[in-house]
């Protein structure tokens, strides 16, 4: 993968899976940040945060709550995202790569 924002190691989930970051074997030993929304301490995006429990004001430690592959390349064309603009000529005629979206948006704002 030749991109300035890619690292030395790139992991891609298989279809309908994701890499949970849980590195502990006993939930009683989980770090305090595991049950909170904490973008600075967690080693990446935690999709389990979408299952925040308002009653306990915490996030469950249950990776099986997450369905699908988060960030994996699309398996079928109908899994691709959609970008829309009311301005003609915003998007290239070819399929847009996910890392090109930032440049397209900035260009629209003259940045």
PDB file of N, CA and C in Angstrom:
ATOM      1  N   UNK A   1       0.858  -1.160   0.000  1.00  0.00           N
ATOM      2  CA  UNK A   1       0.000   0.000   0.000  1.00  0.00           C
ATOM      3  C   UNK A   1       0.905   1.223   0.000  1.00  0.00           C
ATOM      4  N   UNK A   2       0.871   1.967  -1.061  1.00  0.00           N
ATOM      5  CA  UNK A   2       1.719   3.149  -1.185  1.00  0.00           C
ATOM      6  C   UNK A   2       0.893   4.407  -0.922  1.00  0.00           C
ATOM      7  N   UNK A   3       0.838   4.817   0.319  1.00  0.00           N
ATOM      8  CA  UNK A   3       0.140   6.045   0.677  1.00  0.00           C
ATOM      9  C   UNK A   3       0.840   6.652   1.879  1.00  0.00           C
ATOM     10  N   UNK A   4       0.925   7.972   1.908  1.00  0.00           N
ATOM     11  CA  UNK A   4       1.659   8.658   2.977  1.00  0.00           C
ATOM     12  C   UNK A   4       1.076   8.401   4.359  1.00  0.00           C
ATOM     13  N   UNK A   5      -0.214   8.042   4.434  1.00  0.00           N
ATOM     14  CA  UNK A   5      -0.826   7.806   5.739  1.00  0.00           C
ATOM     15  C   UNK A   5      -0.893   6.324   6.115  1.00  0.00           C
ATOM     16  N   UNK A   6      -0.300   5.457   5.303  1.00  0.00           N
ATOM     17  CA  UNK A   6      -0.295   4.041   5.679  1.00  0.00           C
ATOM     18  C   UNK A   6       0.948   3.747   6.506  1.00  0.00           C
ATOM     19  N   UNK A   7       0.823   2.803   7.401  1.00  0.00           N
ATOM     20  CA  UNK A   7       1.945   2.455   8.273  1.00  0.00           C
ATOM     21  C   UNK A   7       2.744   1.290   7.728  1.00  0.00           C
ATOM     22  N   UNK A   8       3.654   0.808   8.552  1.00  0.00           N
ATOM     23  CA  UNK A   8       4.471  -0.338   8.167  1.00  0.00           C
ATOM     24  C   UNK A   8       3.659  -1.624   8.160  1.00  0.00           C
ATOM     25  N   UNK A   9       2.638  -1.673   8.994  1.00  0.00           N
ATOM     26  CA  UNK A   9       1.774  -2.843   9.063  1.00  0.00           C
ATOM     27  C   UNK A   9       0.346  -2.377   8.822  1.00  0.00           C
ATOM     28  N   UNK A  10      -0.335  -3.001   7.895  1.00  0.00           N
ATOM     29  CA  UNK A  10      -1.723  -2.671   7.605  1.00  0.00           C
ATOM     30  C   UNK A  10      -2.543  -3.943   7.767  1.00  0.00           C
ATOM     31  N   UNK A  11      -3.516  -3.916   8.663  1.00  0.00           N
ATOM     32  CA  UNK A  11      -4.391  -5.056   8.885  1.00  0.00           C
ATOM     33  C   UNK A  11      -5.736  -4.770   8.253  1.00  0.00           C
ATOM     34  N   UNK A  12      -6.262  -5.720   7.526  1.00  0.00           N
ATOM     35  CA  UNK A  12      -7.576  -5.585   6.912  1.00  0.00           C
ATOM     36  C   UNK A  12      -8.428  -6.750   7.392  1.00  0.00           C
ATOM     37  N   UNK A  13      -9.588  -6.433   7.929  1.00  0.00           N
ATOM     38  CA  UNK A  13     -10.477  -7.478   8.429  1.00  0.00           C
ATOM     39  C   UNK A  13     -11.051  -8.305   7.294  1.00  0.00           C
ATOM     40  N   UNK A  14     -11.307  -9.557   7.611  1.00  0.00           N
ATOM     41  CA  UNK A  14     -12.052 -10.379   6.675  1.00  0.00           C
ATOM     42  C   UNK A  14     -13.491  -9.900   6.679  1.00  0.00           C
ATOM     43  N   UNK A  15     -14.242 -10.300   5.687  1.00  0.00           N
ATOM     44  CA  UNK A  15     -15.641  -9.913   5.582  1.00  0.00           C
ATOM     45  C   UNK A  15     -16.384 -10.285   6.869  1.00  0.00           C
ATOM     46  N   UNK A  16     -17.216  -9.378   7.327  1.00  0.00           N
ATOM     47  CA  UNK A  16     -18.034  -9.560   8.531  1.00  0.00           C
ATOM     48  C   UNK A  16     -17.207  -9.813   9.789  1.00  0.00           C
ATOM     49  N   UNK A  17     -16.107  -9.108   9.918  1.00  0.00           N
ATOM     50  CA  UNK A  17     -15.286  -9.221  11.124  1.00  0.00           C
ATOM     51  C   UNK A  17     -14.578  -7.896  11.379  1.00  0.00           C
ATOM     52  N   UNK A  18     -14.006  -7.769  12.544  1.00  0.00           N
ATOM     53  CA  UNK A  18     -13.197  -6.594  12.866  1.00  0.00           C
ATOM     54  C   UNK A  18     -12.189  -7.004  13.922  1.00  0.00           C
ATOM     55  N   UNK A  19     -11.140  -6.231  14.072  1.00  0.00           N
ATOM     56  CA  UNK A  19     -10.112  -6.540  15.058  1.00  0.00           C
ATOM     57  C   UNK A  19     -10.412  -5.802  16.356  1.00  0.00           C
ATOM     58  N   UNK A  20     -10.893  -6.542  17.327  1.00  0.00           N
ATOM     59  CA  UNK A  20     -11.117  -5.951  18.645  1.00  0.00           C
ATOM     60  C   UNK A  20      -9.758  -5.702  19.290  1.00  0.00           C
ATOM     61  N   UNK A  21      -9.646  -4.618  20.012  1.00  0.00           N
ATOM     62  CA  UNK A  21      -8.366  -4.270  20.624  1.00  0.00           C
ATOM     63  C   UNK A  21      -8.198  -4.888  22.013  1.00  0.00           C
ATOM     64  N   UNK A  22      -9.169  -5.619  22.490  1.00  0.00           N
ATOM     65  CA  UNK A  22      -9.125  -6.158  23.851  1.00  0.00           C
ATOM     66  C   UNK A  22      -7.905  -7.055  24.023  1.00  0.00           C
ATOM     67  N   UNK A  23      -6.946  -6.592  24.775  1.00  0.00           N
ATOM     68  CA  UNK A  23      -5.708  -7.335  24.974  1.00  0.00           C
ATOM     69  C   UNK A  23      -5.665  -8.038  26.331  1.00  0.00           C
ATOM     70  N   UNK A  24      -6.712  -7.934  27.125  1.00  0.00           N
ATOM     71  CA  UNK A  24      -6.770  -8.579  28.424  1.00  0.00           C
ATOM     72  C   UNK A  24      -7.611  -9.851  28.297  1.00  0.00           C
ATOM     73  N   UNK A  25      -7.368 -10.794  29.164  1.00  0.00           N
ATOM     74  CA  UNK A  25      -8.091 -12.063  29.123  1.00  0.00           C
ATOM     75  C   UNK A  25      -9.223 -12.120  30.145  1.00  0.00           C
ATOM     76  N   UNK A  26      -9.189 -11.242  31.122  1.00  0.00           N
ATOM     77  CA  UNK A  26     -10.192 -11.207  32.182  1.00  0.00           C
ATOM     78  C   UNK A  26     -10.775  -9.799  32.214  1.00  0.00           C
ATOM     79  N   UNK A  27     -12.099  -9.674  32.022  1.00  0.00           N
ATOM     80  CA  UNK A  27     -12.721  -8.342  31.997  1.00  0.00           C
ATOM     81  C   UNK A  27     -12.500  -7.564  33.289  1.00  0.00           C
ATOM     82  N   UNK A  28     -12.267  -8.249  34.389  1.00  0.00           N
ATOM     83  CA  UNK A  28     -11.983  -7.560  35.652  1.00  0.00           C
ATOM     84  C   UNK A  28     -10.657  -6.808  35.578  1.00  0.00           C
ATOM     85  N   UNK A  29      -9.799  -7.195  34.642  1.00  0.00           N
ATOM     86  CA  UNK A  29      -8.493  -6.544  34.477  1.00  0.00           C
ATOM     87  C   UNK A  29      -8.482  -5.518  33.341  1.00  0.00           C
ATOM     88  N   UNK A  30      -9.644  -5.261  32.756  1.00  0.00           N
ATOM     89  CA  UNK A  30      -9.723  -4.293  31.654  1.00  0.00           C
ATOM     90  C   UNK A  30      -9.342  -2.904  32.154  1.00  0.00           C
ATOM     91  N   UNK A  31      -8.630  -2.124  31.333  1.00  0.00           N
ATOM     92  CA  UNK A  31      -8.278  -0.761  31.746  1.00  0.00           C
ATOM     93  C   UNK A  31      -9.535   0.102  31.880  1.00  0.00           C
ATOM     94  N   UNK A  32      -9.452   1.135  32.687  1.00  0.00           N
ATOM     95  CA  UNK A  32     -10.603   2.004  32.951  1.00  0.00           C
ATOM     96  C   UNK A  32     -11.184   2.591  31.669  1.00  0.00           C
ATOM     97  N   UNK A  33     -10.340   2.904  30.687  1.00  0.00           N
ATOM     98  CA  UNK A  33     -10.845   3.532  29.464  1.00  0.00           C
ATOM     99  C   UNK A  33     -11.698   2.594  28.612  1.00  0.00           C
ATOM    100  N   UNK A  34     -11.605   1.301  28.829  1.00  0.00           N
ATOM    101  CA  UNK A  34     -12.322   0.340  27.990  1.00  0.00           C
ATOM    102  C   UNK A  34     -13.834   0.515  28.063  1.00  0.00           C
ATOM    103  N   UNK A  35     -14.342   0.946  29.200  1.00  0.00           N
ATOM    104  CA  UNK A  35     -15.789   1.097  29.376  1.00  0.00           C
ATOM    105  C   UNK A  35     -16.261   2.534  29.153  1.00  0.00           C
ATOM    106  N   UNK A  36     -15.391   3.374  28.605  1.00  0.00           N
ATOM    107  CA  UNK A  36     -15.745   4.772  28.362  1.00  0.00           C
ATOM    108  C   UNK A  36     -15.466   5.147  26.910  1.00  0.00           C
ATOM    109  N   UNK A  37     -15.989   6.294  26.502  1.00  0.00           N
ATOM    110  CA  UNK A  37     -15.629   6.862  25.206  1.00  0.00           C
ATOM    111  C   UNK A  37     -14.363   7.666  25.460  1.00  0.00           C
ATOM    112  N   UNK A  38     -13.247   7.158  25.006  1.00  0.00           N
ATOM    113  CA  UNK A  38     -11.960   7.800  25.289  1.00  0.00           C
ATOM    114  C   UNK A  38     -11.060   7.692  24.069  1.00  0.00           C
ATOM    115  N   UNK A  39     -11.184   8.658  23.167  1.00  0.00           N
ATOM    116  CA  UNK A  39     -10.448   8.594  21.900  1.00  0.00           C
ATOM    117  C   UNK A  39      -8.952   8.784  22.072  1.00  0.00           C
ATOM    118  N   UNK A  40      -8.524   9.269  23.214  1.00  0.00           N
ATOM    119  CA  UNK A  40      -7.094   9.502  23.415  1.00  0.00           C
ATOM    120  C   UNK A  40      -6.369   8.295  24.002  1.00  0.00           C
ATOM    121  N   UNK A  41      -7.064   7.460  24.743  1.00  0.00           N
ATOM    122  CA  UNK A  41      -6.417   6.307  25.372  1.00  0.00           C
ATOM    123  C   UNK A  41      -6.592   5.025  24.562  1.00  0.00           C
ATOM    124  N   UNK A  42      -7.707   4.912  23.850  1.00  0.00           N
ATOM    125  CA  UNK A  42      -7.952   3.687  23.085  1.00  0.00           C
ATOM    126  C   UNK A  42      -7.058   3.653  21.848  1.00  0.00           C
ATOM    127  N   UNK A  43      -6.647   2.458  21.455  1.00  0.00           N
ATOM    128  CA  UNK A  43      -5.731   2.335  20.311  1.00  0.00           C
ATOM    129  C   UNK A  43      -6.443   2.374  18.964  1.00  0.00           C
ATOM    130  N   UNK A  44      -7.410   3.251  18.810  1.00  0.00           N
ATOM    131  CA  UNK A  44      -8.147   3.358  17.551  1.00  0.00           C
ATOM    132  C   UNK A  44      -9.630   3.481  17.824  1.00  0.00           C
ATOM    133  N   UNK A  45     -10.396   3.495  16.763  1.00  0.00           N
ATOM    134  CA  UNK A  45     -11.850   3.602  16.875  1.00  0.00           C
ATOM    135  C   UNK A  45     -12.421   2.337  17.502  1.00  0.00           C
ATOM    136  N   UNK A  46     -13.339   2.496  18.428  1.00  0.00           N
ATOM    137  CA  UNK A  46     -13.977   1.370  19.101  1.00  0.00           C
ATOM    138  C   UNK A  46     -15.455   1.349  18.729  1.00  0.00           C
ATOM    139  N   UNK A  47     -15.865   0.513  17.775  1.00  0.00           N
ATOM    140  CA  UNK A  47     -17.268   0.499  17.360  1.00  0.00           C
ATOM    141  C   UNK A  47     -18.223   0.013  18.449  1.00  0.00           C
ATOM    142  N   UNK A  48     -17.716  -0.614  19.497  1.00  0.00           N
ATOM    143  CA  UNK A  48     -18.590  -1.020  20.600  1.00  0.00           C
ATOM    144  C   UNK A  48     -19.140   0.221  21.310  1.00  0.00           C
ATOM    145  N   UNK A  49     -18.486   1.373  21.151  1.00  0.00           N
ATOM    146  CA  UNK A  49     -18.990   2.616  21.740  1.00  0.00           C
ATOM    147  C   UNK A  49     -20.385   2.957  21.225  1.00  0.00           C
ATOM    148  N   UNK A  50     -20.750   2.441  20.066  1.00  0.00           N
ATOM    149  CA  UNK A  50     -22.091   2.672  19.529  1.00  0.00           C
ATOM    150  C   UNK A  50     -23.158   1.983  20.381  1.00  0.00           C
ATOM    151  N   UNK A  51     -22.741   1.098  21.267  1.00  0.00           N
ATOM    152  CA  UNK A  51     -23.664   0.369  22.144  1.00  0.00           C
ATOM    153  C   UNK A  51     -23.598   0.909  23.575  1.00  0.00           C
ATOM    154  N   UNK A  52     -23.299   2.192  23.699  1.00  0.00           N
ATOM    155  CA  UNK A  52     -23.253   2.866  25.004  1.00  0.00           C
ATOM    156  C   UNK A  52     -24.552   2.595  25.757  1.00  0.00           C
ATOM    157  N   UNK A  53     -24.445   2.222  27.010  1.00  0.00           N
ATOM    158  CA  UNK A  53     -25.607   1.928  27.841  1.00  0.00           C
ATOM    159  C   UNK A  53     -25.898   3.133  28.737  1.00  0.00           C
ATOM    160  N   UNK A  54     -26.974   3.880  28.432  1.00  0.00           N
ATOM    161  CA  UNK A  54     -27.272   5.072  29.230  1.00  0.00           C
ATOM    162  C   UNK A  54     -27.592   4.748  30.695  1.00  0.00           C
ATOM    163  N   UNK A  55     -28.115   3.560  30.959  1.00  0.00           N
ATOM    164  CA  UNK A  55     -28.463   3.197  32.340  1.00  0.00           C
ATOM    165  C   UNK A  55     -27.213   3.088  33.210  1.00  0.00           C
ATOM    166  N   UNK A  56     -26.145   2.502  32.662  1.00  0.00           N
ATOM    167  CA  UNK A  56     -24.908   2.344  33.435  1.00  0.00           C
ATOM    168  C   UNK A  56     -23.871   3.398  33.076  1.00  0.00           C
ATOM    169  N   UNK A  57     -24.188   4.205  32.054  1.00  0.00           N
ATOM    170  CA  UNK A  57     -23.277   5.234  31.548  1.00  0.00           C
ATOM    171  C   UNK A  57     -21.906   4.628  31.224  1.00  0.00           C
ATOM    172  N   UNK A  58     -21.959   3.471  30.554  1.00  0.00           N
ATOM    173  CA  UNK A  58     -20.716   2.789  30.199  1.00  0.00           C
ATOM    174  C   UNK A  58     -20.882   2.008  28.896  1.00  0.00           C
ATOM    175  N   UNK A  59     -19.770   1.504  28.431  1.00  0.00           N
ATOM    176  CA  UNK A  59     -19.733   0.712  27.209  1.00  0.00           C
ATOM    177  C   UNK A  59     -19.497  -0.738  27.606  1.00  0.00           C
ATOM    178  N   UNK A  60     -20.311  -1.655  27.085  1.00  0.00           N
ATOM    179  CA  UNK A  60     -20.091  -3.056  27.432  1.00  0.00           C
ATOM    180  C   UNK A  60     -18.790  -3.583  26.831  1.00  0.00           C
ATOM    181  N   UNK A  61     -18.210  -4.565  27.461  1.00  0.00           N
ATOM    182  CA  UNK A  61     -17.007  -5.208  26.932  1.00  0.00           C
ATOM    183  C   UNK A  61     -17.442  -6.462  26.178  1.00  0.00           C
ATOM    184  N   UNK A  62     -18.144  -6.244  25.081  1.00  0.00           N
ATOM    185  CA  UNK A  62     -18.701  -7.353  24.314  1.00  0.00           C
ATOM    186  C   UNK A  62     -18.472  -7.091  22.831  1.00  0.00           C
ATOM    187  N   UNK A  63     -17.377  -7.583  22.308  1.00  0.00           N
ATOM    188  CA  UNK A  63     -17.024  -7.342  20.906  1.00  0.00           C
ATOM    189  C   UNK A  63     -18.017  -7.969  19.938  1.00  0.00           C
ATOM    190  N   UNK A  64     -18.811  -8.942  20.389  1.00  0.00           N
ATOM    191  CA  UNK A  64     -19.768  -9.589  19.482  1.00  0.00           C
ATOM    192  C   UNK A  64     -20.948  -8.681  19.138  1.00  0.00           C
ATOM    193  N   UNK A  65     -21.081  -7.545  19.827  1.00  0.00           N
ATOM    194  CA  UNK A  65     -22.145  -6.594  19.492  1.00  0.00           C
ATOM    195  C   UNK A  65     -21.916  -5.936  18.136  1.00  0.00           C
ATOM    196  N   UNK A  66     -20.683  -5.913  17.694  1.00  0.00           N
ATOM    197  CA  UNK A  66     -20.333  -5.255  16.430  1.00  0.00           C
ATOM    198  C   UNK A  66     -20.615  -6.211  15.282  1.00  0.00           C
ATOM    199  N   UNK A  67     -21.337  -5.722  14.294  1.00  0.00           N
ATOM    200  CA  UNK A  67     -21.668  -6.528  13.118  1.00  0.00           C
ATOM    201  C   UNK A  67     -20.992  -5.919  11.901  1.00  0.00           C
ATOM    202  N   UNK A  68     -20.606  -6.750  10.975  1.00  0.00           N
ATOM    203  CA  UNK A  68     -20.019  -6.267   9.728  1.00  0.00           C
ATOM    204  C   UNK A  68     -18.548  -5.941   9.886  1.00  0.00           C
ATOM    205  N   UNK A  69     -17.970  -5.493   8.803  1.00  0.00           N
ATOM    206  CA  UNK A  69     -16.551  -5.136   8.774  1.00  0.00           C
ATOM    207  C   UNK A  69     -16.432  -3.627   8.747  1.00  0.00           C
ATOM    208  N   UNK A  70     -15.705  -3.084   9.674  1.00  0.00           N
ATOM    209  CA  UNK A  70     -15.549  -1.638   9.764  1.00  0.00           C
ATOM    210  C   UNK A  70     -14.220  -1.239   9.152  1.00  0.00           C
ATOM    211  N   UNK A  71     -14.292  -0.591   8.004  1.00  0.00           N
ATOM    212  CA  UNK A  71     -13.081  -0.136   7.346  1.00  0.00           C
ATOM    213  C   UNK A  71     -12.513  -1.115   6.339  1.00  0.00           C
ATOM    214  N   UNK A  72     -13.151  -2.250   6.171  1.00  0.00           N
ATOM    215  CA  UNK A  72     -12.663  -3.225   5.190  1.00  0.00           C
ATOM    216  C   UNK A  72     -13.071  -2.782   3.787  1.00  0.00           C
ATOM    217  N   UNK A  73     -12.292  -3.145   2.797  1.00  0.00           N
ATOM    218  CA  UNK A  73     -12.673  -2.816   1.418  1.00  0.00           C
ATOM    219  C   UNK A  73     -14.027  -3.445   1.082  1.00  0.00           C
ATOM    220  N   UNK A  74     -14.813  -2.811   0.218  1.00  0.00           N
ATOM    221  CA  UNK A  74     -16.124  -3.369  -0.124  1.00  0.00           C
ATOM    222  C   UNK A  74     -15.983  -4.709  -0.839  1.00  0.00           C
ATOM    223  N   UNK A  75     -16.871  -5.628  -0.490  1.00  0.00           N
ATOM    224  CA  UNK A  75     -16.888  -6.941  -1.133  1.00  0.00           C
ATOM    225  C   UNK A  75     -17.667  -6.874  -2.446  1.00  0.00           C
ATOM    226  N   UNK A  76     -18.727  -6.073  -2.444  1.00  0.00           N
ATOM    227  CA  UNK A  76     -19.568  -5.881  -3.622  1.00  0.00           C
ATOM    228  C   UNK A  76     -19.661  -4.388  -3.928  1.00  0.00           C
ATOM    229  N   UNK A  77     -19.953  -4.055  -5.169  1.00  0.00           N
ATOM    230  CA  UNK A  77     -20.079  -2.644  -5.568  1.00  0.00           C
ATOM    231  C   UNK A  77     -21.159  -1.916  -4.772  1.00  0.00           C
ATOM    232  N   UNK A  78     -22.226  -2.628  -4.383  1.00  0.00           N
ATOM    233  CA  UNK A  78     -23.308  -1.962  -3.654  1.00  0.00           C
ATOM    234  C   UNK A  78     -22.942  -1.656  -2.200  1.00  0.00           C
ATOM    235  N   UNK A  79     -21.740  -1.996  -1.770  1.00  0.00           N
ATOM    236  CA  UNK A  79     -21.281  -1.669  -0.419  1.00  0.00           C
ATOM    237  C   UNK A  79     -20.465  -0.382  -0.385  1.00  0.00           C
ATOM    238  N   UNK A  80     -20.251   0.223  -1.511  1.00  0.00           N
ATOM    239  CA  UNK A  80     -19.460   1.455  -1.563  1.00  0.00           C
ATOM    240  C   UNK A  80     -20.278   2.620  -1.004  1.00  0.00           C
ATOM    241  N   UNK A  81     -19.568   3.600  -0.464  1.00  0.00           N
ATOM    242  CA  UNK A  81     -20.219   4.803   0.038  1.00  0.00           C
ATOM    243  C   UNK A  81     -20.678   5.690  -1.113  1.00  0.00           C
ATOM    244  N   UNK A  82     -21.465   6.697  -0.788  1.00  0.00           N
ATOM    245  CA  UNK A  82     -21.994   7.613  -1.795  1.00  0.00           C
ATOM    246  C   UNK A  82     -21.578   9.034  -1.430  1.00  0.00           C
ATOM    247  N   UNK A  83     -21.034   9.750  -2.395  1.00  0.00           N
ATOM    248  CA  UNK A  83     -20.714  11.167  -2.232  1.00  0.00           C
ATOM    249  C   UNK A  83     -21.605  11.947  -3.185  1.00  0.00           C
ATOM    250  N   UNK A  84     -22.223  13.008  -2.695  1.00  0.00           N
ATOM    251  CA  UNK A  84     -23.128  13.813  -3.516  1.00  0.00           C
ATOM    252  C   UNK A  84     -22.716  15.278  -3.466  1.00  0.00           C
ATOM    253  N   UNK A  85     -22.948  15.971  -4.571  1.00  0.00           N
ATOM    254  CA  UNK A  85     -22.699  17.406  -4.619  1.00  0.00           C
ATOM    255  C   UNK A  85     -23.673  18.036  -5.596  1.00  0.00           C
ATOM    256  N   UNK A  86     -24.114  19.252  -5.306  1.00  0.00           N
ATOM    257  CA  UNK A  86     -24.981  19.975  -6.234  1.00  0.00           C
ATOM    258  C   UNK A  86     -24.163  20.685  -7.306  1.00  0.00           C
ATOM    259  N   UNK A  87     -22.845  20.655  -7.172  1.00  0.00           N
ATOM    260  CA  UNK A  87     -21.947  21.289  -8.136  1.00  0.00           C
ATOM    261  C   UNK A  87     -21.455  20.270  -9.158  1.00  0.00           C
ATOM    262  N   UNK A  88     -21.514  20.640 -10.435  1.00  0.00           N
ATOM    263  CA  UNK A  88     -21.018  19.753 -11.492  1.00  0.00           C
ATOM    264  C   UNK A  88     -19.492  19.701 -11.464  1.00  0.00           C
ATOM    265  N   UNK A  89     -18.939  18.559 -11.803  1.00  0.00           N
ATOM    266  CA  UNK A  89     -17.495  18.422 -11.940  1.00  0.00           C
ATOM    267  C   UNK A  89     -16.718  18.281 -10.647  1.00  0.00           C
ATOM    268  N   UNK A  90     -17.395  18.047  -9.546  1.00  0.00           N
ATOM    269  CA  UNK A  90     -16.712  17.924  -8.258  1.00  0.00           C
ATOM    270  C   UNK A  90     -15.915  16.626  -8.172  1.00  0.00           C
ATOM    271  N   UNK A  91     -16.507  15.564  -8.641  1.00  0.00           N
ATOM    272  CA  UNK A  91     -15.896  14.250  -8.499  1.00  0.00           C
ATOM    273  C   UNK A  91     -15.255  13.800  -9.802  1.00  0.00           C
ATOM    274  N   UNK A  92     -14.165  13.068  -9.692  1.00  0.00           N
ATOM    275  CA  UNK A  92     -13.553  12.509 -10.902  1.00  0.00           C
ATOM    276  C   UNK A  92     -14.496  11.474 -11.517  1.00  0.00           C
ATOM    277  N   UNK A  93     -14.308  11.175 -12.778  1.00  0.00           N
ATOM    278  CA  UNK A  93     -15.200  10.226 -13.447  1.00  0.00           C
ATOM    279  C   UNK A  93     -14.947   8.790 -12.994  1.00  0.00           C
ATOM    280  N   UNK A  94     -13.759   8.509 -12.495  1.00  0.00           N
ATOM    281  CA  UNK A  94     -13.438   7.162 -12.021  1.00  0.00           C
ATOM    282  C   UNK A  94     -13.907   6.990 -10.576  1.00  0.00           C
ATOM    283  N   UNK A  95     -13.893   5.773 -10.099  1.00  0.00           N
ATOM    284  CA  UNK A  95     -14.228   5.499  -8.707  1.00  0.00           C
ATOM    285  C   UNK A  95     -13.262   6.256  -7.798  1.00  0.00           C
ATOM    286  N   UNK A  96     -13.798   6.863  -6.756  1.00  0.00           N
ATOM    287  CA  UNK A  96     -12.986   7.649  -5.830  1.00  0.00           C
ATOM    288  C   UNK A  96     -12.499   6.767  -4.687  1.00  0.00           C
ATOM    289  N   UNK A  97     -11.222   6.817  -4.407  1.00  0.00           N
ATOM    290  CA  UNK A  97     -10.665   6.076  -3.272  1.00  0.00           C
ATOM    291  C   UNK A  97     -11.004   6.808  -1.980  1.00  0.00           C
ATOM    292  N   UNK A  98     -11.139   6.068  -0.886  1.00  0.00           N
ATOM    293  CA  UNK A  98     -11.517   6.694   0.379  1.00  0.00           C
ATOM    294  C   UNK A  98     -10.541   7.771   0.822  1.00  0.00           C
ATOM    295  N   UNK A  99      -9.263   7.597   0.548  1.00  0.00           N
ATOM    296  CA  UNK A  99      -8.288   8.598   0.995  1.00  0.00           C
ATOM    297  C   UNK A  99      -8.268   9.839   0.103  1.00  0.00           C
ATOM    298  N   UNK A 100      -9.032   9.847  -0.998  1.00  0.00           N
ATOM    299  CA  UNK A 100      -9.141  11.032  -1.850  1.00  0.00           C
ATOM    300  C   UNK A 100     -10.273  11.963  -1.417  1.00  0.00           C
ATOM    301  N   UNK A 101     -11.151  11.497  -0.548  1.00  0.00           N
ATOM    302  CA  UNK A 101     -12.317  12.286  -0.141  1.00  0.00           C
ATOM    303  C   UNK A 101     -11.891  13.588   0.529  1.00  0.00           C
ATOM    304  N   UNK A 102     -10.895  13.543   1.383  1.00  0.00           N
ATOM    305  CA  UNK A 102     -10.423  14.747   2.075  1.00  0.00           C
ATOM    306  C   UNK A 102     -10.020  15.820   1.070  1.00  0.00           C
ATOM    307  N   UNK A 103      -9.250  15.451   0.065  1.00  0.00           N
ATOM    308  CA  UNK A 103      -8.796  16.411  -0.947  1.00  0.00           C
ATOM    309  C   UNK A 103      -9.979  17.003  -1.707  1.00  0.00           C
ATOM    310  N   UNK A 104     -10.952  16.181  -2.044  1.00  0.00           N
ATOM    311  CA  UNK A 104     -12.132  16.651  -2.779  1.00  0.00           C
ATOM    312  C   UNK A 104     -12.906  17.663  -1.942  1.00  0.00           C
ATOM    313  N   UNK A 105     -13.121  17.366  -0.673  1.00  0.00           N
ATOM    314  CA  UNK A 105     -13.867  18.272   0.210  1.00  0.00           C
ATOM    315  C   UNK A 105     -13.112  19.586   0.399  1.00  0.00           C
ATOM    316  N   UNK A 106     -11.814  19.511   0.655  1.00  0.00           N
ATOM    317  CA  UNK A 106     -11.027  20.736   0.833  1.00  0.00           C
ATOM    318  C   UNK A 106     -11.045  21.595  -0.426  1.00  0.00           C
ATOM    319  N   UNK A 107     -10.958  20.971  -1.585  1.00  0.00           N
ATOM    320  CA  UNK A 107     -10.986  21.713  -2.850  1.00  0.00           C
ATOM    321  C   UNK A 107     -12.321  22.449  -3.000  1.00  0.00           C
ATOM    322  N   UNK A 108     -13.412  21.837  -2.576  1.00  0.00           N
ATOM    323  CA  UNK A 108     -14.723  22.473  -2.668  1.00  0.00           C
ATOM    324  C   UNK A 108     -14.809  23.730  -1.812  1.00  0.00           C
ATOM    325  N   UNK A 109     -14.062  23.748  -0.730  1.00  0.00           N
ATOM    326  CA  UNK A 109     -14.055  24.917   0.149  1.00  0.00           C
ATOM    327  C   UNK A 109     -12.910  25.871  -0.171  1.00  0.00           C
ATOM    328  N   UNK A 110     -12.226  25.607  -1.267  1.00  0.00           N
ATOM    329  CA  UNK A 110     -11.149  26.486  -1.695  1.00  0.00           C
ATOM    330  C   UNK A 110      -9.905  26.397  -0.836  1.00  0.00           C
ATOM    331  N   UNK A 111      -9.720  25.292  -0.192  1.00  0.00           N
ATOM    332  CA  UNK A 111      -8.568  25.115   0.703  1.00  0.00           C
ATOM    333  C   UNK A 111      -7.509  24.281   0.015  1.00  0.00           C
TER     334      UNK A 111
END
